[in-house]
Amino acid sequence: MANKAVGVTGMLLYQDGNFMQVLEGNEHSVRGVYAKIERDPRHRGLITLLQGEIEDRQFPTWSMGFREITRAPGPIEDGYTHFMNSADAQFAANPSRAKSLLMKFKQGMEQRN
């Protein structure tokens, strides 16, 4: 995988044509991967929620963890929302929610293994 070759790790979530992704690694490599994503005509409407230096990687052994979010059949229960359908507005208002979501998926995936 290209990410592994340049030392980039992270996680990718997908639902109904929308993606949320974390890229981690040295700044040069991460910016290179992101620039490649920006140039790809399949990707539109990119939004950077958070960027900056971190002490420790959150996904150090994942060249890119992937998870597709599926919807439960039937009506949505009170208190739940299909927030991924309007995630850009919700996450832009509070970017730490995006990180929290990704970390919960990481924890769930690691518990299964």
C-alpha atoms as a PDB file:
ATOM      1  CA  MET A   1       0.000   0.000   0.000  1.00  0.00           C
ATOM      2  CA  ALA A   2       1.288   3.491  -0.844  1.00  0.00           C
ATOM      3  CA  ASN A   3       0.606   4.852   2.659  1.00  0.00           C
ATOM      4  CA  LYS A   4       2.795   2.219   4.276  1.00  0.00           C
ATOM      5  CA  ALA A   5       5.635   2.987   1.857  1.00  0.00           C
ATOM      6  CA  VAL A   6       5.738   6.631   3.006  1.00  0.00           C
ATOM      7  CA  GLY A   7       5.061   5.896   6.691  1.00  0.00           C
ATOM      8  CA  VAL A   8       1.490   7.214   6.819  1.00  0.00           C
ATOM      9  CA  THR A   9      -1.027   5.507   9.096  1.00  0.00           C
ATOM     10  CA  GLY A  10      -4.655   6.265   9.870  1.00  0.00           C
ATOM     11  CA  MET A  11      -8.273   5.270   9.611  1.00  0.00           C
ATOM     12  CA  LEU A  12     -10.992   5.682   6.986  1.00  0.00           C
ATOM     13  CA  LEU A  13     -14.752   5.581   7.600  1.00  0.00           C
ATOM     14  CA  TYR A  14     -17.279   5.330   4.777  1.00  0.00           C
ATOM     15  CA  GLN A  15     -21.046   5.785   4.564  1.00  0.00           C
ATOM     16  CA  ASP A  16     -23.217   6.444   1.519  1.00  0.00           C
ATOM     17  CA  GLY A  17     -20.467   8.009  -0.592  1.00  0.00           C
ATOM     18  CA  ASN A  18     -19.007  10.070   2.262  1.00  0.00           C
ATOM     19  CA  PHE A  19     -15.630   9.471   3.855  1.00  0.00           C
ATOM     20  CA  MET A  20     -13.970  10.586   7.071  1.00  0.00           C
ATOM     21  CA  GLN A  21     -10.248   9.959   7.270  1.00  0.00           C
ATOM     22  CA  VAL A  22      -7.339  10.400   9.650  1.00  0.00           C
ATOM     23  CA  LEU A  23      -3.823  10.636   8.235  1.00  0.00           C
ATOM     24  CA  GLU A  24      -0.839  10.499  10.582  1.00  0.00           C
ATOM     25  CA  GLY A  25       2.881  10.561   9.961  1.00  0.00           C
ATOM     26  CA  ASN A  26       5.568  13.107   9.316  1.00  0.00           C
ATOM     27  CA  GLU A  27       4.233  16.358   7.915  1.00  0.00           C
ATOM     28  CA  HIS A  28       5.849  15.985   4.487  1.00  0.00           C
ATOM     29  CA  SER A  29       4.401  12.499   3.948  1.00  0.00           C
ATOM     30  CA  VAL A  30       0.922  13.398   5.207  1.00  0.00           C
ATOM     31  CA  ARG A  31       0.782  16.503   3.030  1.00  0.00           C
ATOM     32  CA  GLY A  32       1.885  14.408   0.054  1.00  0.00           C
ATOM     33  CA  VAL A  33      -0.869  11.843   0.588  1.00  0.00           C
ATOM     34  CA  TYR A  34      -3.443  14.595   1.104  1.00  0.00           C
ATOM     35  CA  ALA A  35      -2.322  16.376  -2.076  1.00  0.00           C
ATOM     36  CA  LYS A  36      -2.772  13.124  -3.991  1.00  0.00           C
ATOM     37  CA  ILE A  37      -6.302  12.799  -2.592  1.00  0.00           C
ATOM     38  CA  GLU A  38      -7.074  16.406  -3.598  1.00  0.00           C
ATOM     39  CA  ARG A  39      -5.907  15.777  -7.187  1.00  0.00           C
ATOM     40  CA  ASP A  40      -8.013  12.643  -7.581  1.00  0.00           C
ATOM     41  CA  PRO A  41     -11.195  13.610  -9.501  1.00  0.00           C
ATOM     42  CA  ARG A  42     -13.207  11.017  -7.534  1.00  0.00           C
ATOM     43  CA  HIS A  43     -12.825  13.148  -4.401  1.00  0.00           C
ATOM     44  CA  ARG A  44     -14.866  16.337  -4.023  1.00  0.00           C
ATOM     45  CA  GLY A  45     -15.726  18.667  -1.170  1.00  0.00           C
ATOM     46  CA  LEU A  46     -12.729  17.892   1.026  1.00  0.00           C
ATOM     47  CA  ILE A  47     -12.875  19.470   4.464  1.00  0.00           C
ATOM     48  CA  THR A  48      -9.950  19.516   6.882  1.00  0.00           C
ATOM     49  CA  LEU A  49     -11.347  19.286  10.405  1.00  0.00           C
ATOM     50  CA  LEU A  50      -8.146  19.100  12.435  1.00  0.00           C
ATOM     51  CA  GLN A  51      -4.462  19.291  11.668  1.00  0.00           C
ATOM     52  CA  GLY A  52      -1.385  19.619  13.761  1.00  0.00           C
ATOM     53  CA  GLU A  53       1.320  17.739  15.566  1.00  0.00           C
ATOM     54  CA  ILE A  54       0.570  14.863  17.911  1.00  0.00           C
ATOM     55  CA  GLU A  55       2.815  13.167  20.442  1.00  0.00           C
ATOM     56  CA  ASP A  56       1.777   9.609  19.653  1.00  0.00           C
ATOM     57  CA  ARG A  57      -0.022   8.123  16.687  1.00  0.00           C
ATOM     58  CA  GLN A  58      -3.525   6.856  17.344  1.00  0.00           C
ATOM     59  CA  PHE A  59      -3.275   4.210  14.581  1.00  0.00           C
ATOM     60  CA  PRO A  60       0.432   3.286  14.618  1.00  0.00           C
ATOM     61  CA  THR A  61       0.096  -0.184  13.078  1.00  0.00           C
ATOM     62  CA  TRP A  62      -2.648   0.568  10.548  1.00  0.00           C
ATOM     63  CA  SER A  63      -1.471   1.554   7.071  1.00  0.00           C
ATOM     64  CA  MET A  64      -5.142   2.498   6.742  1.00  0.00           C
ATOM     65  CA  GLY A  65      -7.880   0.959   8.864  1.00  0.00           C
ATOM     66  CA  PHE A  66     -11.182   0.927   6.984  1.00  0.00           C
ATOM     67  CA  ARG A  67     -14.725   0.620   8.228  1.00  0.00           C
ATOM     68  CA  GLU A  68     -18.003   0.991   6.361  1.00  0.00           C
ATOM     69  CA  ILE A  69     -20.783   2.396   8.513  1.00  0.00           C
ATOM     70  CA  THR A  70     -24.052   0.660   7.741  1.00  0.00           C
ATOM     71  CA  ARG A  71     -27.470   1.821   8.725  1.00  0.00           C
ATOM     72  CA  ALA A  72     -29.763  -0.276  10.802  1.00  0.00           C
ATOM     73  CA  PRO A  73     -32.992  -1.156   8.970  1.00  0.00           C
ATOM     74  CA  GLY A  74     -36.198   0.527   9.989  1.00  0.00           C
ATOM     75  CA  PRO A  75     -36.971   3.902  11.539  1.00  0.00           C
ATOM     76  CA  ILE A  76     -34.412   5.699  13.612  1.00  0.00           C
ATOM     77  CA  GLU A  77     -34.994   5.662  17.377  1.00  0.00           C
ATOM     78  CA  ASP A  78     -35.290   8.794  19.508  1.00  0.00           C
ATOM     79  CA  GLY A  79     -31.896  10.092  20.530  1.00  0.00           C
ATOM     80  CA  TYR A  80     -30.087   8.726  17.474  1.00  0.00           C
ATOM     81  CA  THR A  81     -29.197  10.566  14.317  1.00  0.00           C
ATOM     82  CA  HIS A  82     -27.742   9.789  10.913  1.00  0.00           C
ATOM     83  CA  PHE A  83     -25.106  12.430  11.568  1.00  0.00           C
ATOM     84  CA  MET A  84     -22.777  11.168   8.822  1.00  0.00           C
ATOM     85  CA  ASN A  85     -25.331  12.502   6.334  1.00  0.00           C
ATOM     86  CA  SER A  86     -24.753  16.034   7.637  1.00  0.00           C
ATOM     87  CA  ALA A  87     -21.355  15.485   9.237  1.00  0.00           C
ATOM     88  CA  ASP A  88     -19.558  18.405   7.612  1.00  0.00           C
ATOM     89  CA  ALA A  89     -21.648  20.993   9.487  1.00  0.00           C
ATOM     90  CA  GLN A  90     -21.668  19.099  12.776  1.00  0.00           C
ATOM     91  CA  PHE A  91     -17.977  18.266  12.752  1.00  0.00           C
ATOM     92  CA  ALA A  92     -16.942  21.717  11.550  1.00  0.00           C
ATOM     93  CA  ALA A  93     -18.710  23.183  14.588  1.00  0.00           C
ATOM     94  CA  ASN A  94     -16.900  20.763  16.933  1.00  0.00           C
ATOM     95  CA  PRO A  95     -13.951  18.964  15.248  1.00  0.00           C
ATOM     96  CA  SER A  96     -13.155  16.958  18.384  1.00  0.00           C
ATOM     97  CA  ARG A  97     -16.364  14.972  17.712  1.00  0.00           C
ATOM     98  CA  ALA A  98     -14.760  13.591  14.560  1.00  0.00           C
ATOM     99  CA  LYS A  99     -11.733  12.411  16.505  1.00  0.00           C
ATOM    100  CA  SER A 100     -13.952  10.870  19.188  1.00  0.00           C
ATOM    101  CA  LEU A 101     -15.939   8.984  16.549  1.00  0.00           C
ATOM    102  CA  LEU A 102     -12.818   7.593  14.923  1.00  0.00           C
ATOM    103  CA  MET A 103     -11.378   6.505  18.259  1.00  0.00           C
ATOM    104  CA  LYS A 104     -14.600   4.677  19.165  1.00  0.00           C
ATOM    105  CA  PHE A 105     -14.446   2.762  15.888  1.00  0.00           C
ATOM    106  CA  LYS A 106     -10.795   1.932  16.546  1.00  0.00           C
ATOM    107  CA  GLN A 107     -11.646   0.576  19.991  1.00  0.00           C
ATOM    108  CA  GLY A 108     -14.517  -1.480  18.613  1.00  0.00           C
ATOM    109  CA  MET A 109     -12.405  -2.951  15.845  1.00  0.00           C
ATOM    110  CA  GLU A 110      -9.581  -3.834  18.236  1.00  0.00           C
ATOM    111  CA  GLN A 111     -12.000  -5.558  20.630  1.00  0.00           C
ATOM    112  CA  ARG A 112     -13.154  -7.834  17.814  1.00  0.00           C
ATOM    113  CA  ASN A 113      -9.614  -9.002  17.035  1.00  0.00           C
END
